[in-house]
Protein backbone atom coordinates (compact mmCIF):
# COMPACT_ATOMS: atom_id res chain seq x y z
CA UNK A 1 -7.75 1.11 1.72
CA UNK A 2 -6.59 -0.19 -1.67
CA UNK A 3 -5.74 2.10 -4.57
CA UNK A 4 -8.85 3.85 -5.78
CA UNK A 5 -8.96 6.65 -8.31
CA UNK A 6 -12.00 8.43 -6.94
CA UNK A 7 -13.86 11.69 -7.16
CA UNK A 8 -16.04 11.24 -4.10
CA UNK A 9 -15.46 13.74 -1.35
CA UNK A 10 -16.38 14.11 2.27
CA UNK A 11 -19.23 16.60 2.44
CA UNK A 12 -17.95 18.08 5.70
CA UNK A 13 -14.35 18.43 4.47
CA UNK A 14 -15.52 19.90 1.16
CA UNK A 15 -17.67 22.50 2.93
CA UNK A 16 -14.94 23.41 5.45
CA UNK A 17 -12.25 23.77 2.78
CA UNK A 18 -14.64 25.62 0.45
CA UNK A 19 -15.27 28.21 3.17
CA UNK A 20 -11.54 28.63 3.72
CA UNK A 21 -10.83 29.06 -0.01
CA UNK A 22 -13.67 31.60 -0.23
CA UNK A 23 -12.11 33.55 2.62
CA UNK A 24 -8.63 33.42 1.05
CA UNK A 25 -9.91 34.60 -2.34
CA UNK A 26 -11.77 37.48 -0.70
CA UNK A 27 -8.70 38.42 1.39
CA UNK A 28 -6.74 38.67 -1.86
CA UNK A 29 -9.20 41.32 -3.05
CA UNK A 30 -11.50 39.32 -5.33
CA UNK A 31 -15.28 39.15 -5.36
CA UNK A 32 -16.38 35.53 -4.85
CA UNK A 33 -19.87 36.46 -6.08
CA UNK A 34 -18.46 37.35 -9.49
CA UNK A 35 -19.78 34.86 -12.09
CA UNK A 36 -16.42 33.27 -12.84
CA UNK A 37 -15.59 32.78 -9.15
CA UNK A 38 -18.92 31.65 -7.69
CA UNK A 39 -18.03 27.94 -7.81
CA UNK A 40 -14.24 28.34 -7.57
CA UNK A 41 -13.93 27.77 -3.79
CA UNK A 42 -15.79 24.46 -4.04
CA UNK A 43 -13.85 23.39 -7.14
CA UNK A 44 -10.58 24.23 -5.38
CA UNK A 45 -11.67 22.26 -2.29
CA UNK A 46 -12.42 19.19 -4.41
CA UNK A 47 -9.22 19.59 -6.40
CA UNK A 48 -7.15 19.74 -3.21
CA UNK A 49 -8.82 16.59 -1.89
CA UNK A 50 -8.04 14.81 -5.17
CA UNK A 51 -4.43 16.03 -5.18
CA UNK A 52 -3.86 14.79 -1.63
CA UNK A 53 -5.77 11.49 -1.79
CA UNK A 54 -2.51 9.57 -1.23
CA UNK A 55 -2.89 10.04 2.51
CA UNK A 56 -5.85 7.63 2.43
CA UNK A 57 -4.11 4.90 0.40
CA UNK A 58 -1.87 2.05 1.52
CA UNK A 59 1.06 1.51 -0.88
CA UNK A 60 2.11 -1.77 0.78
CA UNK A 61 -1.37 -3.20 0.29
CA UNK A 62 -1.25 -2.19 -3.38
CA UNK A 63 2.05 -4.01 -3.94
CA UNK A 64 1.07 -7.09 -1.94
CA UNK A 65 -2.18 -7.32 -3.89
CA UNK A 66 -0.25 -8.12 -7.07
CA UNK A 67 2.84 -10.06 -5.98
CA UNK A 68 3.50 -13.31 -7.80
CA UNK A 69 6.06 -16.05 -7.27
CA UNK A 70 8.43 -16.09 -10.23
CA UNK A 71 11.99 -17.29 -10.75
CA UNK A 72 12.91 -14.36 -13.05
CA UNK A 73 15.96 -12.63 -11.59
CA UNK A 74 17.00 -10.00 -14.13
CA UNK A 75 16.35 -6.27 -14.05
CA UNK A 76 12.75 -5.06 -14.47
CA UNK A 77 12.39 -1.38 -15.43
CA UNK A 78 9.33 0.84 -15.70
CA UNK A 79 10.49 4.22 -16.94
CA UNK A 80 8.96 7.57 -17.81
CA UNK A 81 6.17 7.24 -15.22
CA UNK A 82 4.34 10.57 -15.15
CA UNK A 83 4.60 12.39 -11.83
CA UNK A 84 2.39 15.19 -10.49
CA UNK A 85 2.75 16.38 -6.92
CA UNK A 86 2.48 19.45 -4.70
CA UNK A 87 5.49 21.06 -3.06
CA UNK A 88 4.89 21.19 0.68
CA UNK A 89 6.67 24.54 1.00
CA UNK A 90 4.42 26.59 -1.32
CA UNK A 91 1.62 24.16 -2.29
CA UNK A 92 2.62 24.64 -5.92
CA UNK A 93 2.90 21.75 -8.39
CA UNK A 94 6.01 19.88 -9.37
CA UNK A 95 5.89 17.42 -12.21
CA UNK A 96 8.14 15.16 -14.22
CA UNK A 97 9.06 11.52 -14.67
CA UNK A 98 9.96 8.63 -12.42
CA UNK A 99 12.11 5.68 -13.47
CA UNK A 100 11.95 2.52 -11.32
CA UNK A 101 13.91 -0.72 -11.56
CA UNK A 102 14.08 -3.78 -9.39
CA UNK A 103 15.75 -7.18 -9.54
CA UNK A 104 13.29 -9.84 -8.32
CA UNK A 105 14.17 -12.24 -5.55
CA UNK A 106 11.48 -14.90 -5.94
CA UNK A 107 8.58 -12.48 -6.51
CA UNK A 108 7.55 -10.07 -9.24
CA UNK A 109 4.83 -7.44 -9.02
CA UNK A 110 2.15 -6.43 -11.53
CA UNK A 111 3.71 -3.68 -13.63
CA UNK A 112 0.83 -1.23 -13.12
CA UNK A 113 1.46 -1.29 -9.38
CA UNK A 114 4.73 0.64 -9.68
CA UNK A 115 3.06 3.74 -11.21
CA UNK A 116 0.30 3.40 -8.61
CA UNK A 117 2.89 3.51 -5.83
CA UNK A 118 4.27 6.69 -7.39
CA UNK A 119 0.77 8.21 -7.33
CA UNK A 120 0.11 7.23 -3.70
CA UNK A 121 3.21 9.05 -2.48
CA UNK A 122 2.96 11.91 -5.00
CA UNK A 123 -0.65 12.68 -4.01
CA UNK A 124 0.53 14.16 -0.73
CA UNK A 125 2.26 17.41 0.16
CA UNK A 126 5.83 16.49 -0.72
CA UNK A 127 9.44 17.29 -1.35
CA UNK A 128 11.13 15.44 -4.19
CA UNK A 129 13.86 14.03 -1.97
CA UNK A 130 11.39 12.38 0.42
CA UNK A 131 9.21 11.18 -2.44
CA UNK A 132 12.21 9.37 -3.97
CA UNK A 133 13.04 7.66 -0.69
CA UNK A 134 9.42 6.69 0.07
CA UNK A 135 9.00 4.98 -3.31
CA UNK A 136 12.37 3.26 -2.96
CA UNK A 137 11.80 2.06 0.61
CA UNK A 138 8.25 0.85 -0.07
CA UNK A 139 9.35 -1.34 -2.98
CA UNK A 140 12.46 -2.55 -1.15
CA UNK A 141 10.68 -3.38 2.11
CA UNK A 142 7.62 -4.99 0.49
CA UNK A 143 9.07 -6.98 -2.43
CA UNK A 144 12.42 -7.66 -0.76
CA UNK A 145 14.12 -7.71 -4.17
CA UNK A 146 17.83 -8.20 -4.82
CA UNK A 147 17.92 -4.49 -5.53
CA UNK A 148 15.81 -1.47 -6.36
CA UNK A 149 16.53 1.87 -8.03
CA UNK A 150 14.47 5.05 -8.34
CA UNK A 151 15.32 8.20 -10.31
CA UNK A 152 13.02 11.24 -10.41
CA UNK A 153 13.40 14.19 -12.77
CA UNK A 154 11.02 17.06 -12.07
CA UNK A 155 10.29 20.71 -12.74
CA UNK A 156 9.09 22.74 -9.77
CA UNK A 157 6.62 25.58 -10.25
CA UNK A 158 7.90 27.19 -7.04
CA UNK A 159 11.18 27.78 -8.93
CA UNK A 160 9.52 28.65 -12.23
CA UNK A 161 6.58 30.92 -11.28
CA UNK A 162 8.01 32.65 -8.22
CA UNK A 163 11.30 32.96 -6.35
CA UNK A 164 14.25 32.55 -8.72
CA UNK A 165 11.95 32.14 -11.77
CA UNK A 166 14.22 29.70 -13.61
CA UNK A 167 12.11 28.19 -16.39
CA UNK A 168 14.40 25.40 -17.60
CA UNK A 169 15.75 23.94 -14.38
CA UNK A 170 15.15 20.27 -13.66
CA UNK A 171 15.78 18.62 -10.31
CA UNK A 172 17.04 15.02 -10.35
CA UNK A 173 17.01 12.77 -7.29
CA UNK A 174 17.97 9.11 -7.05
CA UNK A 175 18.09 6.24 -4.64
CA UNK A 176 19.63 2.77 -4.85
CA UNK A 177 19.43 -0.34 -2.68
CA UNK A 178 20.98 -3.79 -2.86
CA UNK A 179 22.49 -4.78 -6.23
CA UNK A 180 22.03 -1.23 -7.53
CA UNK A 181 24.62 -0.02 -5.05
CA UNK A 182 27.17 -1.79 -7.29
CA UNK A 183 28.44 0.59 -9.95
CA UNK A 184 28.04 -1.93 -12.80
CA UNK A 185 24.35 -2.55 -12.06
CA UNK A 186 23.68 1.13 -11.47
CA UNK A 187 25.35 2.06 -14.76
CA UNK A 188 23.31 -0.55 -16.64
CA UNK A 189 20.11 0.92 -15.21
CA UNK A 190 21.12 4.49 -16.00
CA UNK A 191 22.05 3.49 -19.55
CA UNK A 192 18.72 1.72 -20.06
CA UNK A 193 16.74 4.75 -18.92
CA UNK A 194 18.85 6.94 -21.18
CA UNK A 195 20.74 8.90 -18.51
């Protein structure tokens, strides 16, 4: 299935998840018949389906659908890509920015496809470390560039709202393949993204 920003939901899944959310809300001591909560279980069920739609999308197909032969062989960077995901440990959001660079090796890709790849992997229950590697490996294995780099900077609500409750902490993860494993290329990339 190609990338598709949709708000169509399986009726069966929506009903099943709605019932579970209703039960959870009631177990927490709330009245799901209260005016403000009457539609909350269904809204939450639809929201969860939207936030995990990446399971139904094929990132390789997205990239291959916009690959073009091109002799350009310098660094291509798309930085400050917005990131929204759910931590798989607490199902709480983490959010931030992704910076991606690659050095073409005979093929370039439509620029919008890189943020779409981020969304495909981010719209799953995740950890930031795995998310970084999945984006990196998908681009590297599909485009077969001379090199690829990914840096993610994110704030995690599981650290801000609960647990250690540290409001200003940011987690940074990175991954480098090919030419970006050379310190000069890596430093050029980091300088260009302002890090």
